[in-house]
Protein backbone atom coordinates (compact mmCIF):
# COMPACT_ATOMS: atom_id res chain seq x y z
CA MET A 1 131.67 128.93 110.81
CA LEU A 2 128.34 130.43 111.66
CA ASN A 3 127.83 132.38 114.91
CA LYS A 4 125.80 130.13 117.23
CA GLU A 5 123.66 133.14 118.14
CA ALA A 6 123.09 134.38 114.57
CA LYS A 7 119.45 134.47 113.54
CA ILE A 8 118.68 131.55 111.11
CA TYR A 9 115.31 131.40 109.37
CA ILE A 10 114.22 127.89 108.38
CA ALA A 11 111.37 128.00 105.90
CA GLY A 12 109.39 124.77 105.95
CA HIS A 13 110.49 123.72 109.45
CA ARG A 14 107.69 121.18 109.98
CA GLY A 15 108.35 118.94 107.00
CA LEU A 16 110.66 115.94 106.65
CA VAL A 17 113.53 118.12 105.44
CA GLY A 18 113.04 121.19 107.58
CA SER A 19 112.44 119.37 110.85
CA ALA A 20 115.62 117.32 110.37
CA ILE A 21 117.61 120.52 109.74
CA VAL A 22 116.14 122.17 112.84
CA LYS A 23 117.08 119.15 114.94
CA ASN A 24 120.63 119.22 113.59
CA LEU A 25 121.06 122.92 114.22
CA GLU A 26 119.77 122.61 117.76
CA SER A 27 122.12 119.69 118.44
CA ARG A 28 125.02 121.90 117.37
CA GLY A 29 124.04 124.65 119.79
CA TYR A 30 122.35 127.14 117.52
CA THR A 31 119.97 129.16 119.73
CA ASN A 32 118.37 131.77 117.50
CA LEU A 33 116.22 129.79 115.06
CA VAL A 34 113.19 131.47 113.49
CA TYR A 35 110.20 129.75 111.95
CA ARG A 36 106.68 130.50 110.72
CA THR A 37 103.82 128.12 109.96
CA HIS A 38 102.01 128.49 106.70
CA LYS A 39 99.10 130.13 108.56
CA GLU A 40 101.46 132.64 110.09
CA LEU A 41 103.32 133.47 106.86
CA ASP A 42 102.18 132.76 103.30
CA LEU A 43 105.47 132.50 101.40
CA THR A 44 103.67 132.94 98.06
CA ASN A 45 102.66 136.49 99.13
CA PRO A 46 105.39 139.02 98.19
CA THR A 47 104.16 141.67 100.66
CA ASP A 48 104.00 139.27 103.60
CA VAL A 49 107.46 137.90 102.89
CA ALA A 50 108.94 141.36 102.52
CA THR A 51 107.40 142.41 105.83
CA PHE A 52 108.75 139.26 107.56
CA PHE A 53 112.30 139.97 106.41
CA GLU A 54 112.05 143.64 107.35
CA VAL A 55 110.93 142.71 110.89
CA GLU A 56 113.08 139.64 111.57
CA LYS A 57 116.26 140.47 109.58
CA PRO A 58 117.67 136.91 109.56
CA SER A 59 121.41 136.53 108.96
CA TYR A 60 120.99 133.10 107.38
CA VAL A 61 118.16 131.38 105.49
CA ILE A 62 117.44 127.72 104.78
CA LEU A 63 114.71 127.40 102.17
CA ALA A 64 113.14 124.00 102.67
CA ALA A 65 109.54 125.09 102.04
CA ALA A 66 107.90 123.79 98.92
CA LYS A 67 104.67 122.41 97.53
CA VAL A 68 105.39 118.70 97.15
CA GLY A 69 103.43 115.56 96.20
CA GLY A 70 103.54 112.21 94.50
CA ILE A 71 103.18 111.40 90.82
CA VAL A 72 99.37 111.79 90.72
CA ALA A 73 99.35 115.16 92.48
CA ASN A 74 102.22 116.48 90.34
CA ASN A 75 100.47 115.54 87.14
CA THR A 76 96.98 116.69 88.23
CA TYR A 77 97.83 120.04 89.82
CA ARG A 78 100.50 121.14 87.33
CA ALA A 79 99.68 124.86 87.55
CA ASP A 80 99.64 124.83 91.37
CA PHE A 81 103.02 123.13 91.57
CA ILE A 82 104.84 125.49 89.24
CA TYR A 83 103.10 128.67 90.47
CA GLU A 84 103.43 128.07 94.23
CA ASN A 85 107.00 126.84 94.10
CA LEU A 86 108.13 129.68 91.85
CA MET A 87 106.45 132.23 94.15
CA ILE A 88 107.97 130.79 97.33
CA GLN A 89 111.46 130.76 95.80
CA ASN A 90 111.21 134.15 94.16
CA ASN A 91 110.00 135.86 97.36
CA VAL A 92 112.44 134.24 99.79
CA ILE A 93 115.50 134.45 97.56
CA HIS A 94 114.83 138.03 96.45
CA GLN A 95 114.12 139.29 99.99
CA SER A 96 117.25 137.50 101.21
CA HIS A 97 119.19 139.64 98.72
CA ILE A 98 117.33 142.85 99.59
CA HIS A 99 117.99 142.42 103.31
CA GLY A 100 121.61 141.32 103.10
CA VAL A 101 121.30 137.70 104.17
CA GLN A 102 124.84 136.38 104.60
CA LYS A 103 124.14 132.89 103.25
CA LEU A 104 121.09 131.03 101.87
CA LEU A 105 120.68 127.34 101.28
CA PHE A 106 118.04 126.37 98.68
CA LEU A 107 116.77 122.80 98.64
CA GLY A 108 115.46 121.16 95.47
CA SER A 109 115.16 117.57 94.28
CA THR A 110 116.94 115.18 91.91
CA CYS A 111 113.77 115.23 89.72
CA ILE A 112 115.48 118.21 88.05
CA TYR A 113 117.47 115.78 85.89
CA PRO A 114 116.31 114.53 82.45
CA LYS A 115 113.96 111.54 82.25
CA ASN A 116 116.58 109.46 80.44
CA CYS A 117 119.56 110.84 82.31
CA PRO A 118 122.85 108.91 82.19
CA GLN A 119 123.50 107.04 85.44
CA PRO A 120 124.71 107.94 87.95
CA MET A 121 123.41 111.51 87.60
CA LYS A 122 126.11 114.20 87.73
CA GLU A 123 125.38 117.89 88.28
CA ASP A 124 126.59 118.57 84.75
CA TYR A 125 123.65 116.58 83.28
CA LEU A 126 121.20 119.34 84.19
CA LEU A 127 119.26 120.67 81.17
CA THR A 128 120.82 118.17 78.74
CA ASP A 129 117.53 116.45 77.73
CA THR A 130 113.74 116.31 78.26
CA LEU A 131 112.32 116.16 81.77
CA GLU A 132 109.97 113.43 83.04
CA TYR A 133 106.47 114.67 81.96
CA THR A 134 104.44 114.09 85.15
CA ASN A 135 106.61 116.29 87.38
CA GLU A 136 107.90 118.72 84.76
CA PRO A 137 106.24 121.82 86.32
CA TYR A 138 107.76 121.06 89.75
CA ALA A 139 111.17 120.28 88.23
CA ILE A 140 111.17 123.49 86.17
CA ALA A 141 110.40 125.50 89.30
CA LYS A 142 113.34 123.89 91.12
CA ILE A 143 115.65 124.46 88.16
CA ALA A 144 114.57 128.11 88.20
CA GLY A 145 115.51 128.23 91.89
CA ILE A 146 119.04 126.96 91.08
CA LYS A 147 119.40 129.52 88.34
CA MET A 148 118.06 132.30 90.55
CA CYS A 149 120.64 131.56 93.22
CA GLU A 150 123.39 131.44 90.56
CA SER A 151 122.22 134.66 88.98
CA TYR A 152 121.98 136.64 92.19
CA ASN A 153 125.41 135.40 93.21
CA LEU A 154 126.97 136.43 89.88
CA GLN A 155 125.20 139.78 89.63
CA TYR A 156 125.06 140.87 93.28
CA GLY A 157 127.79 138.85 95.01
CA THR A 158 125.37 137.02 97.27
CA ASN A 159 126.29 133.65 98.80
CA PHE A 160 123.38 131.37 97.90
CA ILE A 161 123.94 127.61 97.62
CA SER A 162 121.58 125.04 96.01
CA VAL A 163 121.43 121.41 97.04
CA MET A 164 119.47 118.56 95.42
CA PRO A 165 118.75 115.65 97.79
CA THR A 166 117.88 112.20 96.55
CA ASN A 167 114.85 110.26 97.87
CA LEU A 168 114.63 110.93 101.63
CA TYR A 169 113.06 109.01 104.48
CA GLY A 170 113.06 109.47 108.24
CA PRO A 171 111.22 111.02 111.24
CA ASN A 172 108.21 113.14 110.22
CA ASP A 173 107.91 111.37 106.90
CA ASN A 174 104.53 111.14 105.16
CA PHE A 175 102.87 107.81 105.96
CA ASP A 176 99.48 108.68 104.35
CA LEU A 177 98.89 105.68 102.06
CA GLU A 178 97.06 107.90 99.58
CA LYS A 179 100.09 110.20 99.14
CA SER A 180 103.22 108.64 100.62
CA HIS A 181 106.31 107.55 98.75
CA VAL A 182 107.43 103.93 98.40
CA LEU A 183 109.57 103.45 101.53
CA PRO A 184 107.19 104.91 104.19
CA ALA A 185 104.22 103.30 102.37
CA LEU A 186 105.87 99.87 102.56
CA ILE A 187 106.76 100.36 106.26
CA ARG A 188 103.16 101.22 107.15
CA LYS A 189 101.64 98.53 104.99
CA MET A 190 103.84 95.83 106.55
CA HIS A 191 103.21 97.20 110.02
CA LEU A 192 99.45 96.87 109.43
CA GLY A 193 99.93 93.51 107.65
CA LYS A 194 101.84 92.15 110.61
CA ALA A 195 99.15 93.28 113.01
CA LEU A 196 96.52 91.69 110.79
CA GLU A 197 98.30 88.33 110.62
CA ASN A 198 98.55 88.36 114.43
CA ASN A 199 94.84 89.46 114.78
CA ASP A 200 96.20 92.43 116.71
CA TRP A 201 93.21 94.75 116.34
CA ASN A 202 94.46 97.07 119.05
CA THR A 203 97.56 97.95 116.97
CA ILE A 204 95.43 98.36 113.85
CA ALA A 205 93.00 100.64 115.70
CA LYS A 206 95.81 102.74 117.17
CA ASP A 207 97.39 103.15 113.73
CA LEU A 208 94.14 104.13 111.98
CA ASN A 209 93.18 106.52 114.77
CA ALA A 210 96.51 108.33 114.31
CA LEU A 211 96.27 108.23 110.52
CA PRO A 212 92.80 107.38 109.16
CA ILE A 213 92.62 105.98 105.59
CA GLU A 214 89.81 107.51 103.53
CA GLY A 215 87.89 108.30 106.74
CA VAL A 216 88.26 104.77 108.15
CA ASN A 217 89.66 104.88 111.70
CA GLY A 218 90.08 102.57 114.64
CA ASN A 219 86.43 102.92 115.58
CA SER A 220 85.22 101.70 112.21
CA SER A 221 83.82 98.15 111.77
CA GLU A 222 86.19 95.29 111.06
CA ASN A 223 84.60 94.89 107.64
CA ASP A 224 85.25 98.55 106.76
CA ILE A 225 88.82 98.27 107.98
CA LEU A 226 89.45 95.07 106.05
CA ALA A 227 87.93 96.68 102.92
CA VAL A 228 90.14 99.79 103.02
CA LEU A 229 93.23 97.72 103.79
CA ASP A 230 92.39 95.50 100.86
CA LYS A 231 92.05 98.54 98.62
CA TYR A 232 95.56 99.65 99.56
CA GLY A 233 97.10 96.26 98.93
CA ILE A 234 96.94 94.56 102.33
CA LYS A 235 94.80 91.51 101.57
CA ARG A 236 93.81 88.63 103.87
CA LYS A 237 93.10 85.31 102.15
CA ASN A 238 92.43 82.43 104.51
CA ASP A 239 95.34 82.54 107.02
CA THR A 240 97.81 84.41 104.79
CA ILE A 241 98.31 88.16 104.39
CA TYR A 242 99.29 89.26 100.89
CA LEU A 243 100.94 92.62 100.39
CA GLU A 244 100.60 94.11 96.92
CA ILE A 245 103.44 96.24 95.52
CA TRP A 246 103.04 98.11 92.23
CA GLY A 247 105.27 97.07 89.34
CA SER A 248 107.79 94.31 88.86
CA GLY A 249 110.04 95.23 91.73
CA LYS A 250 112.95 95.65 89.30
CA PRO A 251 113.33 99.47 89.31
CA MET A 252 116.22 100.75 91.41
CA ARG A 253 116.04 103.62 93.84
CA GLU A 254 118.46 105.43 96.11
CA PHE A 255 117.42 106.40 99.66
CA LEU A 256 119.04 108.83 102.10
CA TRP A 257 118.31 109.10 105.86
CA SER A 258 116.79 112.56 106.35
CA GLU A 259 119.07 113.39 109.30
CA ASP A 260 122.13 112.62 107.10
CA MET A 261 120.73 115.05 104.56
CA ALA A 262 120.33 117.63 107.29
CA ASP A 263 123.92 117.10 108.42
CA ALA A 264 125.08 117.70 104.87
CA CYS A 265 123.10 120.93 104.64
CA VAL A 266 124.46 122.29 107.96
CA PHE A 267 128.01 121.25 106.98
CA LEU A 268 127.67 123.30 103.74
CA MET A 269 126.19 126.26 105.60
CA GLU A 270 129.08 126.20 108.09
CA GLN A 271 132.00 125.18 105.95
CA ARG A 272 131.45 126.01 102.24
CA ASP A 273 130.48 129.00 100.10
CA PHE A 274 129.16 129.49 96.56
CA LYS A 275 132.74 129.87 95.25
CA ASP A 276 133.45 126.27 96.31
CA CYS A 277 130.59 124.94 94.18
CA TYR A 278 132.22 125.36 90.74
CA SER A 279 135.59 125.51 89.07
CA GLN A 280 137.17 128.94 89.31
CA ASP A 281 138.73 128.43 85.87
CA THR A 282 135.42 128.36 83.97
CA LYS A 283 134.15 131.33 81.97
CA GLU A 284 130.55 130.17 82.13
CA VAL A 285 129.30 129.47 85.63
CA ARG A 286 126.77 126.67 85.43
CA ASN A 287 125.58 123.66 87.44
CA THR A 288 126.70 125.03 90.73
CA HIS A 289 124.12 122.95 92.62
CA ILE A 290 125.27 119.96 94.76
CA ASN A 291 123.74 116.49 94.79
CA ILE A 292 123.11 115.07 98.27
CA GLY A 293 122.94 111.30 98.06
CA THR A 294 124.56 108.00 98.89
CA GLY A 295 125.59 106.83 95.41
CA VAL A 296 124.06 103.45 96.32
CA ASP A 297 120.75 102.08 95.08
CA ILE A 298 118.55 99.03 95.66
CA THR A 299 115.73 97.33 93.76
CA ILE A 300 112.19 97.87 94.98
CA LYS A 301 111.98 94.11 95.48
CA ASP A 302 115.08 93.99 97.68
CA LEU A 303 113.87 97.07 99.54
CA ALA A 304 110.53 95.40 100.27
CA GLU A 305 112.24 92.21 101.46
CA LEU A 306 114.60 94.23 103.69
CA ILE A 307 111.65 96.08 105.31
CA GLN A 308 109.80 92.76 105.65
CA GLN A 309 112.76 91.34 107.53
CA LYS A 310 113.11 94.39 109.84
CA ILE A 311 109.42 94.42 110.69
CA ASN A 312 109.13 90.63 110.89
CA PHE A 313 106.13 90.53 108.61
CA LYS A 314 105.64 86.89 107.56
CA GLY A 315 103.10 87.44 104.81
CA GLU A 316 103.53 87.15 101.02
CA LEU A 317 104.77 89.94 98.81
CA TYR A 318 102.89 90.23 95.49
CA PHE A 319 104.29 92.37 92.68
CA ASN A 320 101.49 93.60 90.47
CA THR A 321 103.10 93.81 87.02
CA GLU A 322 99.98 95.36 85.55
CA LYS A 323 100.89 98.56 87.38
CA PRO A 324 103.64 100.88 86.06
CA ASP A 325 107.29 100.56 87.09
CA GLY A 326 108.33 104.17 86.45
CA THR A 327 111.93 105.05 85.71
CA LEU A 328 114.09 101.92 86.04
CA LYS A 329 117.14 103.65 87.56
CA LYS A 330 117.62 107.02 89.21
CA LEU A 331 120.96 107.25 91.06
CA THR A 332 122.85 110.36 92.04
CA ASP A 333 126.57 110.86 91.76
CA PRO A 334 127.56 112.48 95.10
CA SER A 335 131.26 112.92 94.11
CA LYS A 336 131.06 116.69 94.27
CA LEU A 337 129.75 116.60 97.85
CA HIS A 338 132.37 114.02 98.78
CA ASP A 339 135.10 116.32 97.38
CA LEU A 340 133.70 119.15 99.45
CA GLY A 341 134.24 117.02 102.55
CA TRP A 342 130.96 115.29 103.50
CA LYS A 343 129.72 111.66 103.18
CA HIS A 344 126.63 109.94 104.52
CA THR A 345 126.91 107.71 107.63
CA VAL A 346 123.56 105.92 108.09
CA SER A 347 123.07 102.73 106.02
CA LEU A 348 119.65 101.89 104.62
CA SER A 349 119.39 98.90 106.95
CA GLN A 350 120.07 101.11 110.01
CA GLY A 351 117.74 103.82 108.75
CA ILE A 352 114.79 101.47 108.24
CA GLU A 353 115.18 100.18 111.81
CA GLN A 354 115.28 103.77 113.15
CA VAL A 355 112.34 105.09 111.15
CA TYR A 356 110.21 102.06 112.08
CA SER A 357 110.98 102.63 115.77
CA TRP A 358 110.03 106.27 115.34
CA TYR A 359 106.79 105.36 113.55
CA THR A 360 105.61 102.78 116.10
CA ALA A 361 106.43 105.09 119.01
CA LYS A 362 104.40 107.90 117.40
CA ASN A 363 101.52 105.82 116.02
């Protein structure tokens, strides 16, 4: 167990992942949590990171900071994604070794697995085939982080653990329709669609004032609002609202409540060590990372209909088959995590209700 007063540095504390971990730690009575915003500490700068560790001397580190984005950003800014993520990891992991950090948790993503990976994806499938092209630079950076933790553990006896969460959703998610992932995007689109079908312009204005879309906010004209909603697939035709969804709706995706993910991370920090992450009988220590997932997936069509039901949006769902589907199935095998003693508790149905309540309270 960790000392409740031990200093824990959470890198990336404002994001979906980091904020959930902070909340979990605080709920368990940890009182000495350390954070820095990006303006306060540039994790890509080796000198700044070294100075931070020298001054703060954290006992434990949770590395949730990363440059992240959707498929367009990953493919467009390939150099930025590999450079910034490698620099963040290299600096934080290396300084954790230099300054004797007792345990570090490194967070990656299941995009590390091959494009045509066997399903469900086991940890042993890492580096067995070609990566998906659009996010290859990001995935390679995360794979390097896994191997860096392994290598420091094997050479220096450090206690660095790597975890790879599946698709996450929850409080502090990204609901920007230009950049958000499928689940938060569907929630916001149906929230706006429901308001539009009810002619509830106050709700629409409140939402757009909190999160403008391409500069359009609640003070914009109705025509401008309708135009930008139409551009993002929320279309009013006569008395019916049509909501466009890219692809056929057939691809299957796995979703994990972010606070469940955080609970798994803190469980591993408290209860498990690097030595628990691989067979002690092996001569070659590989694939020591741990999948964090549910082992349950759902089609995009069924996901959309579930969100529609929870939000009580009465409009029509339209699947635009001229748009790409992406990978048809991407499911983690969480058996290793289950064997280590942790399993998720929040169902997708419960999670959608909770994140929609959070979203409407905040926006």
